[in-house]
N, C-alpha and C. Protein backbone atom coordinates (compact mmCIF):
# COMPACT_ATOMS: atom_id res chain seq x y z
N UNK A 1 20.17 -3.76 22.03
CA UNK A 1 19.35 -3.98 20.85
C UNK A 1 20.13 -4.83 19.86
N UNK A 2 19.44 -5.77 19.27
CA UNK A 2 20.09 -6.64 18.29
C UNK A 2 20.25 -5.88 16.97
N UNK A 3 21.10 -6.41 16.06
CA UNK A 3 21.27 -5.75 14.76
C UNK A 3 19.98 -5.74 13.94
N UNK A 4 19.04 -6.65 14.26
CA UNK A 4 17.79 -6.72 13.51
C UNK A 4 16.84 -5.58 13.90
N UNK A 5 16.94 -5.03 15.10
CA UNK A 5 16.10 -3.91 15.46
C UNK A 5 15.29 -4.13 16.72
N UNK A 6 14.59 -3.08 17.11
CA UNK A 6 13.83 -3.06 18.36
C UNK A 6 12.70 -4.09 18.35
N UNK A 7 11.92 -4.14 17.28
CA UNK A 7 10.80 -5.08 17.22
C UNK A 7 11.28 -6.51 17.38
N UNK A 8 12.37 -6.82 16.73
CA UNK A 8 12.96 -8.16 16.81
C UNK A 8 13.18 -8.53 18.28
N UNK A 9 13.74 -7.60 19.05
CA UNK A 9 14.00 -7.84 20.47
C UNK A 9 12.70 -7.90 21.28
N UNK A 10 11.76 -6.99 20.98
CA UNK A 10 10.50 -6.94 21.74
C UNK A 10 9.74 -8.25 21.68
N UNK A 11 9.69 -8.84 20.51
CA UNK A 11 8.90 -10.07 20.37
C UNK A 11 9.79 -11.32 20.50
N UNK A 12 11.05 -11.07 20.85
CA UNK A 12 12.01 -12.16 21.08
C UNK A 12 12.09 -13.13 19.90
N UNK A 13 12.15 -12.52 18.72
CA UNK A 13 12.27 -13.31 17.49
C UNK A 13 13.67 -13.90 17.42
N UNK A 14 13.76 -15.15 17.09
CA UNK A 14 15.06 -15.83 17.05
C UNK A 14 15.71 -15.82 15.66
N UNK A 15 14.92 -15.53 14.64
CA UNK A 15 15.45 -15.48 13.27
C UNK A 15 15.18 -14.10 12.68
N UNK A 16 15.90 -13.75 11.64
CA UNK A 16 15.61 -12.46 10.99
C UNK A 16 14.22 -12.47 10.36
N UNK A 17 13.65 -11.29 10.20
CA UNK A 17 12.37 -11.20 9.51
C UNK A 17 12.55 -11.63 8.06
N UNK A 18 11.49 -12.15 7.48
CA UNK A 18 11.52 -12.62 6.09
C UNK A 18 11.85 -11.46 5.14
N UNK A 19 11.35 -10.25 5.49
CA UNK A 19 11.57 -9.08 4.63
C UNK A 19 11.34 -7.81 5.44
N UNK A 20 11.75 -6.69 4.89
CA UNK A 20 11.45 -5.40 5.52
C UNK A 20 9.94 -5.18 5.59
N UNK A 21 9.23 -5.66 4.57
CA UNK A 21 7.77 -5.53 4.57
C UNK A 21 7.17 -6.27 5.75
N UNK A 22 7.62 -7.49 5.99
CA UNK A 22 7.10 -8.24 7.13
C UNK A 22 7.40 -7.51 8.43
N UNK A 23 8.59 -6.98 8.58
CA UNK A 23 8.95 -6.25 9.80
C UNK A 23 8.07 -5.01 9.95
N UNK A 24 7.81 -4.32 8.85
CA UNK A 24 6.97 -3.12 8.91
C UNK A 24 5.53 -3.47 9.30
N UNK A 25 4.98 -4.52 8.70
CA UNK A 25 3.60 -4.93 9.00
C UNK A 25 3.49 -5.35 10.46
N UNK A 26 4.43 -6.18 10.92
CA UNK A 26 4.39 -6.61 12.32
C UNK A 26 4.60 -5.41 13.26
N UNK A 27 5.42 -4.47 12.85
CA UNK A 27 5.61 -3.25 13.64
C UNK A 27 4.32 -2.45 13.76
N UNK A 28 3.57 -2.37 12.65
CA UNK A 28 2.27 -1.69 12.69
C UNK A 28 1.31 -2.40 13.64
N UNK A 29 1.25 -3.73 13.53
CA UNK A 29 0.37 -4.51 14.41
C UNK A 29 0.75 -4.30 15.88
N UNK A 30 2.04 -4.39 16.17
CA UNK A 30 2.52 -4.25 17.55
C UNK A 30 2.22 -2.85 18.08
N UNK A 31 2.47 -1.84 17.28
CA UNK A 31 2.24 -0.46 17.68
C UNK A 31 0.75 -0.20 17.89
N UNK A 32 -0.08 -0.68 16.97
CA UNK A 32 -1.53 -0.51 17.11
C UNK A 32 -2.03 -1.17 18.38
N UNK A 33 -1.49 -2.35 18.71
CA UNK A 33 -1.90 -3.05 19.92
C UNK A 33 -1.53 -2.25 21.16
N UNK A 34 -0.35 -1.70 21.19
CA UNK A 34 0.09 -0.90 22.35
C UNK A 34 -0.80 0.33 22.51
N UNK A 35 -1.06 1.03 21.42
CA UNK A 35 -1.92 2.21 21.48
C UNK A 35 -3.35 1.83 21.89
N UNK A 36 -3.87 0.77 21.30
CA UNK A 36 -5.23 0.32 21.61
C UNK A 36 -5.37 -0.02 23.09
N UNK A 37 -4.38 -0.72 23.65
CA UNK A 37 -4.45 -1.07 25.07
C UNK A 37 -4.43 0.16 25.96
N UNK A 38 -3.63 1.16 25.61
CA UNK A 38 -3.58 2.40 26.40
C UNK A 38 -4.94 3.09 26.40
N UNK A 39 -5.54 3.21 25.24
CA UNK A 39 -6.84 3.87 25.15
C UNK A 39 -7.95 3.02 25.76
N UNK A 40 -7.86 1.71 25.61
CA UNK A 40 -8.87 0.82 26.21
C UNK A 40 -8.86 0.93 27.72
N UNK A 41 -7.68 1.06 28.31
CA UNK A 41 -7.58 1.21 29.76
C UNK A 41 -8.26 2.50 30.22
N UNK A 42 -8.02 3.59 29.49
CA UNK A 42 -8.66 4.85 29.83
C UNK A 42 -10.18 4.73 29.72
N UNK A 43 -10.67 4.12 28.66
CA UNK A 43 -12.12 3.96 28.48
C UNK A 43 -12.71 3.08 29.58
N UNK A 44 -12.00 2.02 29.92
CA UNK A 44 -12.47 1.09 30.96
C UNK A 44 -12.67 1.82 32.29
N UNK A 45 -11.80 2.76 32.58
CA UNK A 45 -11.92 3.55 33.82
C UNK A 45 -13.22 4.36 33.85
N UNK A 46 -13.80 4.57 32.68
CA UNK A 46 -15.05 5.34 32.57
C UNK A 46 -16.23 4.45 32.16
N UNK A 47 -16.03 3.14 32.23
CA UNK A 47 -17.12 2.20 31.96
C UNK A 47 -17.46 1.99 30.50
N UNK A 48 -16.50 2.27 29.62
CA UNK A 48 -16.73 2.13 28.18
C UNK A 48 -15.71 1.21 27.55
N UNK A 49 -16.07 0.69 26.38
CA UNK A 49 -15.09 0.04 25.50
C UNK A 49 -14.67 1.08 24.46
N UNK A 50 -13.61 0.77 23.75
CA UNK A 50 -13.18 1.68 22.68
C UNK A 50 -14.26 1.85 21.62
N UNK A 51 -14.94 0.76 21.28
CA UNK A 51 -15.98 0.85 20.26
C UNK A 51 -17.16 1.69 20.75
N UNK A 52 -17.53 1.56 22.01
CA UNK A 52 -18.61 2.38 22.56
C UNK A 52 -18.22 3.85 22.53
N UNK A 53 -16.98 4.14 22.89
CA UNK A 53 -16.49 5.52 22.84
C UNK A 53 -16.56 6.05 21.41
N UNK A 54 -16.17 5.23 20.46
CA UNK A 54 -16.21 5.63 19.06
C UNK A 54 -17.64 5.97 18.63
N UNK A 55 -18.61 5.15 19.02
CA UNK A 55 -20.02 5.43 18.69
C UNK A 55 -20.45 6.76 19.30
N UNK A 56 -20.10 6.99 20.54
CA UNK A 56 -20.48 8.25 21.19
C UNK A 56 -19.88 9.45 20.47
N UNK A 57 -18.63 9.35 20.07
CA UNK A 57 -18.00 10.46 19.35
C UNK A 57 -18.68 10.71 18.01
N UNK A 58 -19.02 9.63 17.32
CA UNK A 58 -19.71 9.76 16.03
C UNK A 58 -21.05 10.45 16.23
N UNK A 59 -21.78 10.04 17.25
CA UNK A 59 -23.11 10.63 17.50
C UNK A 59 -23.00 12.08 17.99
N UNK A 60 -21.97 12.40 18.76
CA UNK A 60 -21.79 13.80 19.15
C UNK A 60 -21.58 14.65 17.91
N UNK A 61 -20.79 14.16 16.97
CA UNK A 61 -20.54 14.89 15.74
C UNK A 61 -21.78 15.04 14.87
N UNK A 62 -22.70 14.09 14.98
CA UNK A 62 -23.92 14.14 14.17
C UNK A 62 -24.90 15.18 14.67
N UNK A 63 -24.78 15.57 15.93
CA UNK A 63 -25.68 16.58 16.48
C UNK A 63 -27.06 16.02 16.78
N UNK A 64 -28.01 16.92 16.90
CA UNK A 64 -29.36 16.55 17.34
C UNK A 64 -30.10 15.65 16.35
N UNK A 65 -29.76 15.71 15.08
CA UNK A 65 -30.48 14.90 14.10
C UNK A 65 -30.13 13.42 14.22
N UNK A 66 -28.96 13.10 14.84
CA UNK A 66 -28.56 11.72 15.01
C UNK A 66 -28.17 11.06 13.70
N UNK A 67 -28.01 9.75 13.76
CA UNK A 67 -27.61 8.99 12.58
C UNK A 67 -28.27 7.63 12.58
N UNK A 68 -28.55 7.10 11.39
CA UNK A 68 -29.02 5.71 11.31
C UNK A 68 -27.92 4.76 11.79
N UNK A 69 -28.33 3.65 12.35
CA UNK A 69 -27.40 2.66 12.89
C UNK A 69 -26.36 2.23 11.86
N UNK A 70 -26.78 1.96 10.64
CA UNK A 70 -25.84 1.50 9.62
C UNK A 70 -24.82 2.57 9.25
N UNK A 71 -25.21 3.83 9.30
CA UNK A 71 -24.28 4.92 9.02
C UNK A 71 -23.22 4.99 10.12
N UNK A 72 -23.64 4.77 11.36
CA UNK A 72 -22.68 4.73 12.47
C UNK A 72 -21.65 3.64 12.20
N UNK A 73 -22.13 2.45 11.83
CA UNK A 73 -21.24 1.32 11.57
C UNK A 73 -20.21 1.65 10.49
N UNK A 74 -20.64 2.37 9.44
CA UNK A 74 -19.74 2.74 8.34
C UNK A 74 -18.65 3.70 8.78
N UNK A 75 -18.93 4.51 9.81
CA UNK A 75 -17.99 5.54 10.25
C UNK A 75 -17.05 5.08 11.36
N UNK A 76 -17.24 3.86 11.84
CA UNK A 76 -16.42 3.36 12.94
C UNK A 76 -14.95 3.26 12.54
N UNK A 77 -14.06 3.58 13.47
CA UNK A 77 -12.63 3.42 13.23
C UNK A 77 -12.31 1.94 13.09
N UNK A 78 -12.83 1.14 14.03
CA UNK A 78 -12.72 -0.32 13.94
C UNK A 78 -14.10 -0.84 13.59
N UNK A 79 -14.22 -1.44 12.43
CA UNK A 79 -15.53 -1.94 11.99
C UNK A 79 -15.98 -3.07 12.89
N UNK A 80 -17.28 -3.13 13.16
CA UNK A 80 -17.84 -4.18 13.99
C UNK A 80 -19.13 -4.70 13.37
N UNK A 81 -19.31 -6.01 13.32
CA UNK A 81 -20.56 -6.54 12.77
C UNK A 81 -21.71 -6.39 13.75
N UNK A 82 -21.42 -6.19 15.03
CA UNK A 82 -22.46 -6.15 16.06
C UNK A 82 -22.86 -4.75 16.47
N UNK A 83 -23.11 -3.86 15.51
CA UNK A 83 -23.44 -2.47 15.85
C UNK A 83 -24.72 -2.39 16.67
N UNK A 84 -25.71 -3.24 16.39
CA UNK A 84 -26.96 -3.20 17.14
C UNK A 84 -26.71 -3.53 18.61
N UNK A 85 -25.94 -4.57 18.88
CA UNK A 85 -25.62 -4.92 20.27
C UNK A 85 -24.83 -3.81 20.95
N UNK A 86 -23.94 -3.19 20.21
CA UNK A 86 -23.15 -2.09 20.75
C UNK A 86 -24.05 -0.93 21.16
N UNK A 87 -24.98 -0.57 20.29
CA UNK A 87 -25.93 0.51 20.60
C UNK A 87 -26.84 0.09 21.76
N UNK A 88 -27.23 -1.18 21.80
CA UNK A 88 -28.06 -1.67 22.91
C UNK A 88 -27.37 -1.43 24.25
N UNK A 89 -26.08 -1.72 24.33
CA UNK A 89 -25.33 -1.51 25.58
C UNK A 89 -25.29 -0.03 25.96
N UNK A 90 -25.09 0.82 24.98
CA UNK A 90 -25.08 2.27 25.25
C UNK A 90 -26.46 2.76 25.66
N UNK A 91 -27.50 2.16 25.11
CA UNK A 91 -28.88 2.48 25.46
C UNK A 91 -29.14 2.13 26.93
N UNK A 92 -28.69 0.95 27.35
CA UNK A 92 -28.87 0.53 28.74
C UNK A 92 -28.13 1.45 29.71
N UNK A 93 -27.03 2.02 29.27
CA UNK A 93 -26.27 2.97 30.10
C UNK A 93 -26.84 4.38 30.02
N UNK A 94 -27.90 4.54 29.21
CA UNK A 94 -28.56 5.84 29.00
C UNK A 94 -27.62 6.88 28.39
N UNK A 95 -26.72 6.41 27.54
CA UNK A 95 -25.79 7.31 26.85
C UNK A 95 -26.26 7.65 25.45
N UNK A 96 -27.15 6.82 24.91
CA UNK A 96 -27.76 7.09 23.61
C UNK A 96 -29.25 6.78 23.69
N UNK A 97 -29.97 7.28 22.71
CA UNK A 97 -31.38 6.94 22.55
C UNK A 97 -31.58 6.62 21.08
N UNK A 98 -32.64 5.89 20.79
CA UNK A 98 -32.92 5.59 19.38
C UNK A 98 -34.41 5.63 19.15
N UNK A 99 -34.74 5.86 17.89
CA UNK A 99 -36.14 5.89 17.51
C UNK A 99 -36.28 5.48 16.05
N UNK A 100 -37.47 5.05 15.72
CA UNK A 100 -37.80 4.76 14.33
C UNK A 100 -38.58 5.96 13.80
N UNK A 101 -38.04 6.65 12.80
CA UNK A 101 -38.75 7.81 12.25
C UNK A 101 -40.09 7.38 11.64
N UNK A 102 -41.12 8.21 11.78
CA UNK A 102 -42.43 7.84 11.24
C UNK A 102 -42.42 7.59 9.73
N UNK A 103 -41.56 8.25 8.98
CA UNK A 103 -41.53 8.11 7.53
C UNK A 103 -40.93 6.80 7.05
N UNK A 104 -40.07 6.18 7.84
CA UNK A 104 -39.41 4.94 7.41
C UNK A 104 -39.20 4.08 8.65
N UNK A 105 -40.12 3.18 8.91
CA UNK A 105 -40.08 2.35 10.12
C UNK A 105 -38.96 1.32 10.08
N UNK A 106 -38.34 1.11 8.92
CA UNK A 106 -37.22 0.16 8.83
C UNK A 106 -35.94 0.76 9.38
N UNK A 107 -35.85 2.06 9.35
CA UNK A 107 -34.63 2.74 9.77
C UNK A 107 -34.67 3.02 11.28
N UNK A 108 -33.51 2.95 11.93
CA UNK A 108 -33.38 3.28 13.34
C UNK A 108 -32.38 4.42 13.45
N UNK A 109 -32.81 5.54 14.03
CA UNK A 109 -31.93 6.69 14.20
C UNK A 109 -31.48 6.75 15.65
N UNK A 110 -30.18 6.93 15.84
CA UNK A 110 -29.60 7.00 17.19
C UNK A 110 -29.12 8.43 17.45
N UNK A 111 -29.26 8.83 18.70
CA UNK A 111 -28.79 10.15 19.14
C UNK A 111 -28.08 10.00 20.48
N UNK A 112 -27.12 10.85 20.70
CA UNK A 112 -26.43 10.85 21.99
C UNK A 112 -27.30 11.61 22.99
N UNK A 113 -27.32 11.15 24.22
CA UNK A 113 -28.11 11.80 25.27
C UNK A 113 -27.25 12.84 26.00
N UNK A 114 -27.88 13.70 26.80
CA UNK A 114 -27.08 14.63 27.60
C UNK A 114 -26.07 13.89 28.50
N UNK A 115 -26.45 12.75 29.01
CA UNK A 115 -25.53 11.97 29.83
C UNK A 115 -24.32 11.51 29.00
N UNK A 116 -24.57 11.10 27.76
CA UNK A 116 -23.48 10.71 26.86
C UNK A 116 -22.58 11.88 26.53
N UNK A 117 -23.18 13.05 26.30
CA UNK A 117 -22.39 14.26 26.03
C UNK A 117 -21.52 14.62 27.23
N UNK A 118 -22.08 14.49 28.43
CA UNK A 118 -21.33 14.82 29.64
C UNK A 118 -20.13 13.86 29.81
N UNK A 119 -20.35 12.58 29.52
CA UNK A 119 -19.26 11.61 29.63
C UNK A 119 -18.15 11.93 28.63
N UNK A 120 -18.53 12.27 27.41
CA UNK A 120 -17.51 12.64 26.41
C UNK A 120 -16.76 13.90 26.83
N UNK A 121 -17.47 14.87 27.37
CA UNK A 121 -16.82 16.10 27.83
C UNK A 121 -15.80 15.77 28.92
N UNK A 122 -16.15 14.83 29.79
CA UNK A 122 -15.25 14.40 30.85
C UNK A 122 -14.01 13.69 30.28
N UNK A 123 -14.19 13.00 29.16
CA UNK A 123 -13.09 12.26 28.55
C UNK A 123 -12.23 13.09 27.60
N UNK A 124 -12.74 14.22 27.13
CA UNK A 124 -12.00 15.01 26.13
C UNK A 124 -10.58 15.34 26.57
N UNK A 125 -10.42 15.84 27.78
CA UNK A 125 -9.09 16.20 28.28
C UNK A 125 -8.16 15.00 28.39
N UNK A 126 -8.58 13.94 29.11
CA UNK A 126 -7.71 12.76 29.22
C UNK A 126 -7.37 12.12 27.89
N UNK A 127 -8.32 12.08 26.95
CA UNK A 127 -8.04 11.49 25.63
C UNK A 127 -7.02 12.36 24.88
N UNK A 128 -7.20 13.66 24.93
CA UNK A 128 -6.24 14.56 24.28
C UNK A 128 -4.84 14.42 24.87
N UNK A 129 -4.78 14.31 26.20
CA UNK A 129 -3.49 14.12 26.86
C UNK A 129 -2.84 12.81 26.42
N UNK A 130 -3.64 11.75 26.35
CA UNK A 130 -3.10 10.45 25.93
C UNK A 130 -2.66 10.49 24.47
N UNK A 131 -3.45 11.15 23.61
CA UNK A 131 -3.03 11.34 22.21
C UNK A 131 -1.63 11.95 22.18
N UNK A 132 -1.46 13.03 22.94
CA UNK A 132 -0.18 13.75 22.94
C UNK A 132 0.96 12.88 23.47
N UNK A 133 0.70 12.15 24.56
CA UNK A 133 1.75 11.31 25.15
C UNK A 133 2.15 10.17 24.21
N UNK A 134 1.19 9.61 23.50
CA UNK A 134 1.49 8.48 22.62
C UNK A 134 2.46 8.83 21.51
N UNK A 135 2.42 10.06 21.05
CA UNK A 135 3.30 10.46 19.94
C UNK A 135 4.21 11.63 20.31
N UNK A 136 4.47 11.80 21.59
CA UNK A 136 5.29 12.93 22.07
C UNK A 136 6.71 12.88 21.53
N UNK A 137 7.19 11.69 21.16
CA UNK A 137 8.57 11.56 20.69
C UNK A 137 8.75 12.05 19.25
N UNK A 138 7.64 12.38 18.57
CA UNK A 138 7.70 12.85 17.19
C UNK A 138 7.51 14.36 17.13
N UNK A 139 8.23 15.00 16.21
CA UNK A 139 8.01 16.43 16.01
C UNK A 139 6.88 16.62 14.99
N UNK A 140 6.53 17.86 14.73
CA UNK A 140 5.39 18.15 13.84
C UNK A 140 5.58 17.57 12.44
N UNK A 141 6.77 17.70 11.89
CA UNK A 141 7.02 17.15 10.55
C UNK A 141 6.89 15.62 10.55
N UNK A 142 7.34 14.98 11.61
CA UNK A 142 7.22 13.52 11.70
C UNK A 142 5.75 13.10 11.84
N UNK A 143 4.97 13.90 12.57
CA UNK A 143 3.52 13.63 12.65
C UNK A 143 2.91 13.66 11.25
N UNK A 144 3.25 14.69 10.48
CA UNK A 144 2.71 14.83 9.13
C UNK A 144 3.15 13.66 8.24
N UNK A 145 4.41 13.27 8.37
CA UNK A 145 4.92 12.15 7.58
C UNK A 145 4.20 10.86 7.97
N UNK A 146 4.03 10.63 9.26
CA UNK A 146 3.33 9.44 9.73
C UNK A 146 1.89 9.41 9.19
N UNK A 147 1.21 10.52 9.28
CA UNK A 147 -0.17 10.61 8.77
C UNK A 147 -0.20 10.28 7.28
N UNK A 148 0.74 10.85 6.54
CA UNK A 148 0.80 10.60 5.09
C UNK A 148 1.06 9.12 4.80
N UNK A 149 2.00 8.52 5.49
CA UNK A 149 2.31 7.10 5.26
C UNK A 149 1.10 6.24 5.59
N UNK A 150 0.47 6.48 6.74
CA UNK A 150 -0.70 5.68 7.13
C UNK A 150 -1.85 5.86 6.14
N UNK A 151 -2.05 7.08 5.67
CA UNK A 151 -3.09 7.33 4.65
C UNK A 151 -2.81 6.50 3.40
N UNK A 152 -1.56 6.51 2.95
CA UNK A 152 -1.21 5.76 1.74
C UNK A 152 -1.39 4.26 1.92
N UNK A 153 -1.04 3.75 3.08
CA UNK A 153 -1.21 2.31 3.34
C UNK A 153 -2.70 1.95 3.33
N UNK A 154 -3.53 2.76 3.98
CA UNK A 154 -4.99 2.47 4.00
C UNK A 154 -5.60 2.57 2.61
N UNK A 155 -5.16 3.52 1.82
CA UNK A 155 -5.74 3.69 0.49
C UNK A 155 -5.35 2.58 -0.48
N UNK A 156 -4.21 1.94 -0.21
CA UNK A 156 -3.77 0.86 -1.10
C UNK A 156 -4.61 -0.37 -0.86
């Protein structure tokens, strides 16, 4: 490892980082990419993208009443402008259903189907295992510290 640190070596940087802030931001980007790829691979094995999985989890949490499409978009971990296309793909896979309530024909309410619930149930164990493996090197106090730091960065 070089005196500049692990990230410096990983990305084969030839000069020092401009600042500790730059190194921290690039470290967050690099770490997020590694985690995202791990989870994307797991989802791909089950015929989903990460965003589709996120929609299914949101709808499972909403229960039988479902949620309007725009509310789903607001709750996404990774925001996407194409929520309608995303829901369309899940509809074709018969993992969600949607309807226009009689009281407000402008609104579209989406619900997870039994097939979608079954797929999520199948994924719960592997996702939990991957969650644990991704941060296994941290103890409980470090998990709490990481959560606190990430919360503060997002709120700023």
